[in-house]
Protein backbone atom coordinates (compact mmCIF):
# COMPACT_ATOMS: atom_id res chain seq x y z
CA MET A 1 186.85 31.33 -8.39
CA PRO A 2 187.78 28.99 -5.57
CA ALA A 3 191.45 28.91 -4.55
CA THR A 4 193.42 25.76 -5.15
CA ALA A 5 195.25 23.83 -2.39
CA ALA A 6 198.62 25.17 -3.52
CA GLU A 7 197.40 28.75 -3.39
CA SER A 8 195.91 28.20 0.08
CA SER A 9 199.19 26.74 1.35
CA GLN A 10 201.16 29.63 -0.10
CA GLY A 11 198.84 32.14 1.54
CA LEU A 12 199.23 30.50 4.93
CA TRP A 13 203.05 30.58 4.57
CA LEU A 14 202.99 34.26 3.66
CA ARG A 15 200.79 35.09 6.68
CA PHE A 16 203.21 33.12 8.93
CA LEU A 17 206.20 35.03 7.66
CA THR A 18 204.41 38.34 8.11
CA HIS A 19 203.54 37.43 11.69
CA TYR A 20 207.08 36.06 12.38
CA ARG A 21 208.66 39.32 11.35
CA LYS A 22 206.71 41.04 14.09
CA LEU A 23 208.11 38.66 16.70
CA ASP A 24 211.08 39.97 18.74
CA ILE A 25 212.91 36.78 19.79
CA ALA A 26 216.52 37.87 19.03
CA HIS A 27 216.81 40.68 21.52
CA ASP A 28 220.17 42.34 22.30
CA LEU A 29 220.77 41.27 25.91
CA ALA A 30 222.99 44.29 26.48
CA GLU A 31 219.97 46.62 26.18
CA ASP A 32 216.88 47.11 28.36
CA ILE A 33 218.13 44.75 31.04
CA GLY A 34 215.34 43.43 33.30
CA THR A 35 212.43 44.36 31.01
CA PRO A 36 209.97 41.73 29.71
CA ARG A 37 211.54 42.08 26.31
CA TRP A 38 214.97 41.28 27.81
CA TRP A 39 213.66 38.22 29.69
CA ARG A 40 212.07 36.91 26.49
CA GLY A 41 215.45 37.10 24.74
CA MET A 42 217.12 35.34 27.69
CA GLY A 43 214.56 32.55 27.44
CA VAL A 44 215.25 32.11 23.73
CA LEU A 45 219.01 31.84 24.48
CA ALA A 46 218.47 29.27 27.25
CA THR A 47 216.22 27.19 24.96
CA ALA A 48 218.85 27.24 22.20
CA ILE A 49 221.57 26.07 24.63
CA ALA A 50 219.37 23.26 25.95
CA CYS A 51 218.63 22.04 22.42
CA ALA A 52 222.31 22.05 21.53
CA LEU A 53 223.23 20.00 24.59
CA THR A 54 220.39 17.55 23.95
CA LEU A 55 221.35 16.96 20.33
CA ALA A 56 225.14 16.77 20.99
CA PRO A 57 226.75 13.40 20.13
CA GLY A 58 227.99 11.15 22.91
CA HIS A 59 231.61 10.69 24.00
CA ALA A 60 231.72 6.95 24.38
CA ARG A 61 235.16 5.35 23.87
CA PHE A 62 235.77 3.25 20.79
CA GLU A 63 237.26 -0.13 21.47
CA ALA A 64 240.42 -0.65 19.41
CA ALA A 65 241.24 -4.01 17.97
CA MET A 66 243.64 -5.96 20.16
CA ALA A 67 247.09 -6.62 18.67
CA MET A 68 247.78 -10.24 17.96
CA PRO A 69 250.76 -11.58 19.95
CA LEU A 70 253.77 -12.49 17.76
CA ASP A 71 256.36 -15.12 18.43
CA ALA A 72 260.09 -14.50 17.85
CA THR A 73 260.04 -15.77 14.24
CA ALA A 74 257.06 -13.60 13.30
CA THR A 75 258.63 -10.59 15.02
CA ASN A 76 261.84 -10.94 13.01
CA GLU A 77 259.80 -11.33 9.84
CA TRP A 78 257.82 -8.18 10.66
CA ARG A 79 260.94 -6.15 11.41
CA SER A 80 262.56 -7.16 8.13
CA GLN A 81 259.68 -5.52 6.28
CA THR A 82 259.97 -2.17 8.09
CA LEU A 83 262.38 0.74 7.83
CA ARG A 84 264.03 -0.08 11.16
CA PRO A 85 266.99 -1.96 9.58
CA MET A 86 267.75 1.08 7.41
CA ALA A 87 267.70 3.36 10.44
CA LEU A 88 270.29 1.11 12.09
CA GLY A 89 272.53 1.17 9.03
CA ALA A 90 271.50 -2.17 7.50
CA GLU A 91 269.73 -2.91 4.27
CA LYS A 92 266.03 -3.51 4.15
CA GLY A 93 264.85 -7.02 3.21
CA GLN A 94 264.29 -10.57 4.39
CA ARG A 95 266.36 -11.93 7.23
CA MET A 96 266.85 -15.51 8.31
CA ALA A 97 265.96 -15.96 11.92
CA PRO A 98 268.53 -17.75 14.11
CA THR A 99 268.04 -21.50 14.33
CA ARG A 100 269.30 -24.15 16.75
CA ALA A 101 272.51 -24.36 14.70
CA VAL A 102 273.56 -20.98 16.08
CA THR A 103 275.80 -21.42 19.13
CA PRO A 104 276.00 -18.52 21.64
CA ILE A 105 279.52 -17.36 22.57
CA ALA A 106 280.67 -16.21 25.99
CA ALA A 107 282.49 -13.06 24.78
CA VAL A 108 282.81 -11.09 21.56
CA PRO A 109 286.32 -11.23 20.04
CA GLU A 110 288.21 -7.92 20.25
CA ARG A 111 288.87 -6.10 17.01
CA PRO A 112 292.57 -6.06 16.11
CA SER A 113 292.53 -2.27 15.50
CA ILE A 114 290.21 0.72 15.59
CA SER A 115 290.41 3.69 13.20
CA LEU A 116 288.66 6.91 14.09
CA VAL A 117 288.72 10.65 13.38
CA ALA A 118 288.80 13.25 16.17
CA THR A 119 288.52 17.03 15.80
CA LEU A 120 290.18 19.54 18.11
CA ALA A 121 287.43 21.82 19.42
CA GLN A 122 287.68 25.49 20.35
CA GLY A 123 289.09 25.84 23.86
CA ASP A 124 290.06 22.16 24.02
CA SER A 125 293.56 20.74 24.46
CA LEU A 126 295.26 18.02 22.46
CA GLY A 127 295.84 15.93 25.57
CA ARG A 128 292.18 15.90 26.59
CA MET A 129 291.10 15.14 23.03
CA LEU A 130 293.44 12.11 22.83
CA GLU A 131 292.19 10.87 26.21
CA ARG A 132 288.57 11.03 25.06
CA ALA A 133 289.53 9.16 21.88
CA GLY A 134 290.78 6.23 23.98
CA VAL A 135 294.54 6.87 23.88
CA GLY A 136 296.28 5.70 27.05
CA ALA A 137 297.94 8.20 29.38
CA ALA A 138 301.48 6.97 28.61
CA ASP A 139 301.04 7.00 24.83
CA GLY A 140 299.26 10.38 24.97
CA ALA A 141 302.08 11.98 26.97
CA GLN A 142 304.72 10.56 24.62
CA ALA A 143 302.80 11.78 21.54
CA LEU A 144 302.52 15.28 23.02
CA SER A 145 306.25 15.32 23.74
CA LEU A 146 307.09 14.31 20.17
CA ILE A 147 304.78 16.96 18.68
CA ALA A 148 306.17 19.63 21.03
CA SER A 149 309.66 18.98 19.64
CA THR A 150 308.45 20.40 16.31
CA MET A 151 305.78 22.92 17.30
CA PRO A 152 303.90 23.90 20.48
CA PRO A 153 300.68 21.87 20.72
CA GLU A 154 298.87 25.08 21.75
CA GLU A 155 299.46 26.47 18.23
CA ILE A 156 297.41 23.73 16.59
CA ALA A 157 294.35 25.48 15.22
CA PRO A 158 290.85 24.52 16.45
CA GLY A 159 289.05 22.42 13.88
CA THR A 160 292.14 20.37 13.02
CA ARG A 161 291.24 16.74 12.20
CA PHE A 162 293.28 13.87 13.61
CA ASP A 163 293.31 10.39 12.05
CA ILE A 164 293.87 8.00 14.95
CA THR A 165 294.56 4.26 14.78
CA LEU A 166 294.49 2.22 18.01
CA GLY A 167 295.91 -1.31 18.19
CA LYS A 168 294.84 -4.36 20.15
CA ALA A 169 294.88 -4.10 23.92
CA SER A 170 297.48 -6.21 25.72
CA ALA A 171 294.94 -7.42 28.29
CA PRO A 172 291.23 -7.00 29.08
CA GLY A 173 290.55 -3.63 30.66
CA GLN A 174 293.81 -2.11 29.39
CA PRO A 175 293.81 0.88 26.97
CA ARG A 176 294.56 0.18 23.36
CA PRO A 177 298.05 1.23 22.25
CA LEU A 178 298.41 4.19 19.88
CA ASP A 179 299.56 2.88 16.51
CA LYS A 180 299.28 6.06 14.44
CA LEU A 181 298.32 9.72 14.83
CA ASP A 182 298.24 11.70 11.57
CA PHE A 183 297.21 15.36 11.20
CA ARG A 184 297.89 18.65 9.39
CA ALA A 185 299.88 20.74 11.88
CA ARG A 186 300.09 23.82 9.66
CA MET A 187 299.33 24.69 6.10
CA ASP A 188 302.94 23.85 5.22
CA LEU A 189 303.46 20.82 7.48
CA ASP A 190 302.03 17.32 7.98
CA LEU A 191 302.94 15.45 11.18
CA ALA A 192 302.49 11.76 11.93
CA VAL A 193 303.21 9.86 15.15
CA SER A 194 303.53 6.16 14.34
CA ARG A 195 304.61 3.05 16.24
CA GLY A 196 307.65 1.16 15.05
CA ALA A 197 310.01 -1.42 16.44
CA GLY A 198 311.49 1.13 18.83
CA GLY A 199 308.19 2.61 19.96
CA LEU A 200 306.49 5.83 18.92
CA ALA A 201 308.34 8.11 16.49
CA LEU A 202 307.51 11.40 14.81
CA GLY A 203 307.52 11.86 11.05
CA SER A 204 307.05 15.17 9.21
CA HIS A 205 306.29 16.10 5.64
CA ALA A 206 306.75 19.64 4.34
CA ILE A 207 304.13 21.02 1.94
CA ALA A 208 305.00 23.68 -0.62
CA VAL A 209 303.23 26.97 0.08
CA ASP A 210 303.19 30.02 -2.17
CA THR A 211 303.17 33.31 -0.22
CA THR A 212 302.75 35.68 -3.17
CA PRO A 213 300.39 38.46 -2.02
CA LEU A 214 297.02 38.74 -3.73
CA ARG A 215 296.54 41.97 -5.66
CA ILE A 216 293.06 43.06 -6.77
CA ARG A 217 292.37 46.12 -8.91
CA GLY A 218 289.26 47.45 -10.56
CA PRO A 219 287.07 50.47 -11.29
CA VAL A 220 285.15 51.91 -8.36
CA GLY A 221 281.92 52.23 -10.34
CA PRO A 222 278.74 53.03 -8.39
CA GLY A 223 280.25 51.96 -5.05
CA LEU A 224 283.65 50.97 -3.68
CA TYR A 225 282.32 48.12 -1.53
CA HIS A 226 280.28 46.48 -4.29
CA ALA A 227 283.11 46.93 -6.80
CA ALA A 228 285.57 45.15 -4.51
CA ARG A 229 283.09 42.33 -3.84
CA ALA A 230 282.45 41.92 -7.56
CA ALA A 231 286.20 41.70 -8.17
CA GLY A 232 286.41 38.74 -5.76
CA ALA A 233 288.14 40.47 -2.86
CA PRO A 234 287.85 38.66 0.50
CA MET A 235 285.41 40.21 2.96
CA LYS A 236 288.10 40.68 5.61
CA ALA A 237 290.33 42.55 3.15
CA ILE A 238 287.46 44.83 2.06
CA GLU A 239 286.71 45.80 5.65
CA GLN A 240 290.36 46.65 6.30
CA PHE A 241 290.61 48.51 2.98
CA LEU A 242 287.60 50.72 3.68
CA HIS A 243 288.80 51.42 7.23
CA ALA A 244 292.31 52.38 6.04
CA ILE A 245 291.04 54.60 3.22
CA ASP A 246 288.50 56.32 5.46
CA ALA A 247 291.21 57.08 8.04
CA HIS A 248 293.49 58.76 5.46
CA PHE A 249 291.27 59.81 2.60
CA SER A 250 287.61 60.79 2.65
CA LEU A 251 285.47 58.08 1.05
CA ASP A 252 283.11 60.80 -0.19
CA GLU A 253 285.85 61.97 -2.54
CA VAL A 254 286.20 58.58 -4.25
CA ALA A 255 284.63 59.01 -7.70
CA PRO A 256 283.09 56.28 -9.93
CA GLY A 257 285.89 56.77 -12.47
CA ASP A 258 288.63 56.08 -9.92
CA THR A 259 290.44 52.75 -9.58
CA PHE A 260 290.86 50.88 -6.32
CA ASP A 261 294.01 48.87 -5.69
CA MET A 262 294.47 46.46 -2.78
CA ILE A 263 297.19 43.96 -1.93
CA VAL A 264 296.42 41.28 0.66
CA GLY A 265 298.61 38.75 2.40
CA TYR A 266 297.80 35.38 0.84
CA LYS A 267 298.99 31.78 1.18
CA ARG A 268 298.19 28.84 -1.06
CA SER A 269 299.47 25.31 -0.52
CA ALA A 270 300.23 22.68 -3.13
CA ARG A 271 297.16 20.77 -1.88
CA GLY A 272 294.82 23.65 -2.67
CA GLU A 273 294.21 25.16 0.77
CA THR A 274 294.21 28.95 0.94
CA GLU A 275 294.65 31.41 3.77
CA VAL A 276 293.86 35.13 3.55
CA GLY A 277 296.02 37.43 5.64
CA ASP A 278 295.89 41.13 6.48
CA LEU A 279 295.69 44.03 4.06
CA LEU A 280 299.20 45.14 3.06
CA TYR A 281 298.50 48.00 0.67
CA ALA A 282 295.52 50.22 -0.14
CA GLY A 283 295.41 52.72 -2.97
CA ILE A 284 293.06 54.92 -4.96
CA GLU A 285 294.02 56.08 -8.47
CA HIS A 286 292.52 58.79 -10.68
CA ASP A 287 293.36 58.98 -14.40
CA GLY A 288 296.21 56.52 -13.85
CA LYS A 289 297.82 58.62 -11.10
CA PRO A 290 297.72 57.69 -7.39
CA ARG A 291 295.52 59.85 -5.18
CA THR A 292 296.56 57.97 -2.06
CA GLN A 293 298.96 55.09 -1.40
CA LEU A 294 298.75 53.49 2.03
CA LEU A 295 301.32 50.92 3.15
CA ARG A 296 301.14 48.80 6.30
CA TRP A 297 304.31 49.69 8.18
CA SER A 298 305.71 48.85 11.60
CA GLY A 299 309.22 50.20 11.32
CA ALA A 300 312.42 49.29 9.57
CA HIS A 301 312.54 45.93 11.34
CA ASP A 302 308.80 45.22 11.06
CA SER A 303 308.43 45.13 14.82
CA GLY A 304 305.52 46.34 16.91
CA ASP A 305 301.98 47.18 15.87
CA ALA A 306 301.70 47.88 12.14
CA GLN A 307 299.79 50.94 10.96
CA PHE A 308 298.97 52.38 7.54
CA PHE A 309 301.08 55.32 6.43
CA ASP A 310 300.54 57.48 3.37
CA ALA A 311 303.47 57.17 0.97
CA GLN A 312 303.18 60.82 -0.08
CA ALA A 313 303.14 62.02 3.53
CA MET A 314 306.16 59.87 4.38
CA THR A 315 308.07 61.31 1.42
CA GLU A 316 307.10 64.95 1.90
CA GLN A 317 307.25 65.08 5.67
CA ARG A 318 310.09 62.78 6.63
CA THR A 319 312.97 63.63 4.30
CA SER A 320 315.87 65.46 5.87
CA ASN A 321 316.31 69.23 5.44
CA ALA A 322 312.55 69.66 4.83
CA LEU A 323 309.96 71.36 6.98
CA ILE A 324 307.51 68.87 8.48
CA MET A 325 303.96 69.87 7.50
CA PRO A 326 300.69 68.50 8.93
CA VAL A 327 298.87 68.60 5.57
CA ALA A 328 300.00 67.96 2.02
CA GLY A 329 299.83 70.58 -0.73
CA ALA A 330 298.77 73.41 1.56
CA ARG A 331 298.72 77.15 0.78
CA ILE A 332 299.50 79.59 3.61
CA THR A 333 296.65 82.10 3.98
CA SER A 334 297.60 83.68 7.32
CA SER A 335 301.00 83.67 9.00
CA PHE A 336 302.10 83.81 12.63
CA GLY A 337 301.93 87.26 14.29
CA MET A 338 299.61 90.25 14.61
CA ARG A 339 296.77 90.35 12.12
CA TYR A 340 293.32 91.84 11.55
CA HIS A 341 290.78 89.19 12.54
CA PRO A 342 288.25 88.72 9.72
CA ILE A 343 285.39 87.86 12.11
CA LEU A 344 286.11 89.86 15.29
CA GLY A 345 286.96 93.02 13.29
CA PHE A 346 290.10 94.09 15.19
CA SER A 347 293.81 93.21 15.23
CA ARG A 348 295.15 90.64 17.61
CA MET A 349 297.91 88.04 17.88
CA HIS A 350 297.58 85.06 15.56
CA SER A 351 299.32 82.24 17.41
CA GLY A 352 299.64 79.87 14.47
CA THR A 353 299.66 79.47 10.72
CA ASP A 354 296.56 78.93 8.60
CA LEU A 355 297.00 76.31 5.87
CA ALA A 356 294.32 76.26 3.17
CA VAL A 357 293.49 72.78 1.83
CA PRO A 358 290.23 71.19 0.62
CA TRP A 359 287.60 70.16 3.13
CA GLY A 360 288.18 66.61 4.39
CA SER A 361 291.92 66.53 3.64
CA PRO A 362 293.79 64.30 6.13
CA ILE A 363 295.80 65.92 8.91
CA TYR A 364 299.00 64.13 9.93
CA ALA A 365 300.92 64.12 13.19
CA VAL A 366 304.21 65.92 12.48
CA ALA A 367 306.11 63.72 14.96
CA ASP A 368 305.62 60.84 17.35
CA ALA A 369 303.50 62.18 20.17
CA LEU A 370 301.03 61.70 23.01
CA VAL A 371 297.50 63.06 22.47
CA THR A 372 296.76 65.36 25.42
CA TYR A 373 293.58 67.02 24.13
CA ALA A 374 290.92 66.19 21.54
CA GLY A 375 287.63 68.07 21.63
CA TRP A 376 285.90 71.42 21.18
CA ARG A 377 287.98 74.47 22.08
CA GLY A 378 286.04 77.68 21.60
CA GLY A 379 286.98 79.62 18.46
CA TYR A 380 289.37 76.83 17.40
CA GLY A 381 286.42 74.45 16.92
CA ASN A 382 287.45 70.79 16.91
CA TYR A 383 290.99 70.90 18.25
CA VAL A 384 293.76 68.37 18.92
CA LYS A 385 296.94 68.96 20.90
CA LEU A 386 299.99 66.67 20.76
CA GLU A 387 302.95 66.53 23.15
CA HIS A 388 306.17 65.50 21.38
CA GLY A 389 308.60 65.55 24.29
CA GLY A 390 311.53 67.91 24.72
CA ALA A 391 309.11 70.76 25.66
CA LEU A 392 307.64 70.70 22.14
CA ALA A 393 303.92 70.49 21.38
CA THR A 394 301.67 71.13 18.38
CA GLY A 395 298.01 72.13 18.01
CA TYR A 396 295.53 71.58 15.18
CA GLY A 397 292.30 73.57 14.94
CA HIS A 398 289.09 73.95 12.89
CA MET A 399 288.96 70.20 12.15
CA SER A 400 285.82 68.70 10.63
CA ARG A 401 286.43 65.65 12.81
CA PHE A 402 289.27 63.94 14.66
CA VAL A 403 290.12 60.24 14.92
CA VAL A 404 292.22 60.25 18.09
CA SER A 405 291.41 60.57 21.77
CA PRO A 406 293.35 61.80 24.82
CA GLY A 407 295.91 59.30 26.06
CA MET A 408 296.58 57.75 22.64
CA ARG A 409 300.10 57.57 21.26
CA VAL A 410 300.50 58.40 17.57
CA ARG A 411 303.40 58.05 15.18
CA ALA A 412 304.70 60.62 12.74
CA GLY A 413 302.60 60.58 9.59
CA GLN A 414 299.58 59.02 11.29
CA VAL A 415 296.23 60.64 10.51
CA ILE A 416 294.76 62.44 13.54
CA GLY A 417 291.78 64.14 11.85
CA TYR A 418 290.42 65.94 8.81
CA VAL A 419 290.38 69.55 7.67
CA GLY A 420 287.15 71.49 8.27
CA SER A 421 285.82 74.93 9.17
CA THR A 422 284.55 74.56 12.74
CA GLY A 423 284.71 77.34 15.30
CA MET A 424 285.48 80.92 14.23
CA SER A 425 286.43 80.18 10.65
CA THR A 426 285.55 81.65 7.26
CA GLY A 427 286.45 78.59 5.18
CA ALA A 428 288.07 75.17 5.13
CA HIS A 429 291.63 75.38 6.49
CA LEU A 430 293.89 74.09 9.25
CA HIS A 431 295.06 76.32 12.06
CA TYR A 432 298.48 74.88 12.95
CA GLU A 433 300.31 75.86 16.14
CA VAL A 434 303.69 74.97 17.64
CA PHE A 435 304.56 75.43 21.33
CA ARG A 436 308.00 75.49 22.95
CA ASP A 437 308.00 75.41 26.75
CA GLY A 438 304.31 76.33 26.65
CA ALA A 439 304.79 79.49 24.54
CA SER A 440 303.59 79.82 20.94
CA VAL A 441 306.31 80.05 18.28
CA ASP A 442 306.18 80.51 14.53
CA PRO A 443 305.44 77.05 13.02
CA MET A 444 307.24 77.99 9.81
CA SER A 445 310.47 78.60 11.71
CA MET A 446 310.44 75.14 13.28
CA HIS A 447 312.42 72.21 11.93
CA PHE A 448 311.88 69.18 14.10
CA THR A 449 315.43 67.95 14.55
CA VAL A 450 314.11 64.65 15.89
CA ARG A 451 312.85 64.02 12.34
CA ALA A 452 309.72 62.38 13.73
CA GLY A 453 311.75 59.47 15.07
CA VAL A 454 312.52 58.23 11.54
CA ASP A 455 316.06 58.12 10.23
CA LYS A 456 317.29 57.70 6.70
CA ALA A 457 317.60 53.93 7.07
CA GLU A 458 313.93 53.60 8.00
CA MET A 459 312.87 55.91 5.19
CA ASP A 460 314.86 53.80 2.72
CA ALA A 461 313.30 50.63 4.14
CA PHE A 462 309.81 52.12 3.74
CA ARG A 463 310.45 53.08 0.13
CA ALA A 464 311.97 49.69 -0.64
CA LYS A 465 309.00 47.82 0.80
CA LEU A 466 306.54 50.01 -1.12
CA ALA A 467 308.43 49.49 -4.38
CA ARG A 468 308.67 45.74 -3.76
CA ILE A 469 305.00 45.26 -3.01
CA LEU A 470 303.91 47.30 -6.02
CA THR A 471 305.69 44.82 -8.30
CA VAL A 472 303.05 42.19 -7.50
CA LYS A 473 300.81 41.62 -10.51
CA PRO A 474 297.04 41.20 -10.15
CA GLY A 475 296.14 37.52 -9.94
CA ALA A 476 299.76 36.32 -9.67
CA ALA A 477 298.98 34.58 -6.35
CA LEU A 478 296.48 32.30 -8.11
CA GLN A 479 298.78 31.03 -10.85
CA ARG A 480 301.16 28.76 -8.93
CA PHE A 481 299.98 25.17 -8.36
CA SER A 482 297.27 25.74 -10.98
CA GLY A 483 299.19 24.66 -14.05
CA LYS A 484 299.34 28.18 -15.51
């Protein structure tokens, strides 16, 4: 049966494909370099590149339409329909072009007064700021003198805004006179320099400010930091709280069922401004009883650098006729004198007293002192030595860690480290030593007659301040000026 035209065409196409598959035109040019097969592949590549360049479109430039020239009237009409007027502060819309009725003037009339706002930048001075604002040298110097009569200009906080009003200049080229300078000098004071019949004068207006400290209490829960943040405590106060607690009481011992208690310096003006001060009190309670109470204290007259002191340590260690102890609630496990060493296995002199307390308990300086050593000391482990003057010194061994360094001065009751079991030790305890003229003496026979530099008057002042600050109620600082 003769084949049709379609079948013949299909057969030819199949034979072409069969033959094409045998062709090797796509050769890998990285193989068989220099062989006839390689040169055939190179020829195919060159042919493909030549075809691509031949069929590529041209790069002739397109002629853009020329813009039609506009006269002044058409230009104004075009601008009125664009967003340019809005960018310059005007409204968008039609504008009437100037006509011949408009008469040019030789000079623009001077404005009778100029009102502006200037901000005192960090590192800037009030005098330079007034000069940049256009205040003349004479008026600027007089304004500074008036302000200095009430407060030093250097105490004006950066970021303070000044409302300045300048009057009309007396002559062309002369600085404008200062008519008024109004600003908030402090949270409790407004100052205004204004021009009257007799020249510049200073006016002040006092603003009521409530200084009741801010007290925040709440359960510790899963974490002390997150609990304080959830209670609305300021970030600065939380940082100081955690630092104070960690220096006197191990944060690892704070349990979810405990209660945190912080009191922060706080100011609130009648106009609503607030200012957060330093942490004044930090406490941790367990089952309604205080575990630690830390009060910021700088002496009976609140002079010098303030530090946090534990109320319990101040009471137990600073009262008269009581032995000053470096740890609270300790049990004596080994006294001063000859003893059988539990690790070495023979008797030798024990130059101190071992005080058993839980791991991580704070260790307090028994008197004002200079830190002369803080580091590893053989069998004593982590060791700190304090010089108290008058040929007296104390040593503290087996610490888990210390928070002082040589050369530091510490006050009585200040935490110098934490109880541990480093060195040659069989359990958590403090090895406490006392030296007189370089020789070891029995710590339990020593009563520091200097009383750690604290007399009865200072102790009474400490207790009075603690009792006074604990009378602050949570949230009381937020009630004044709020209508409650």
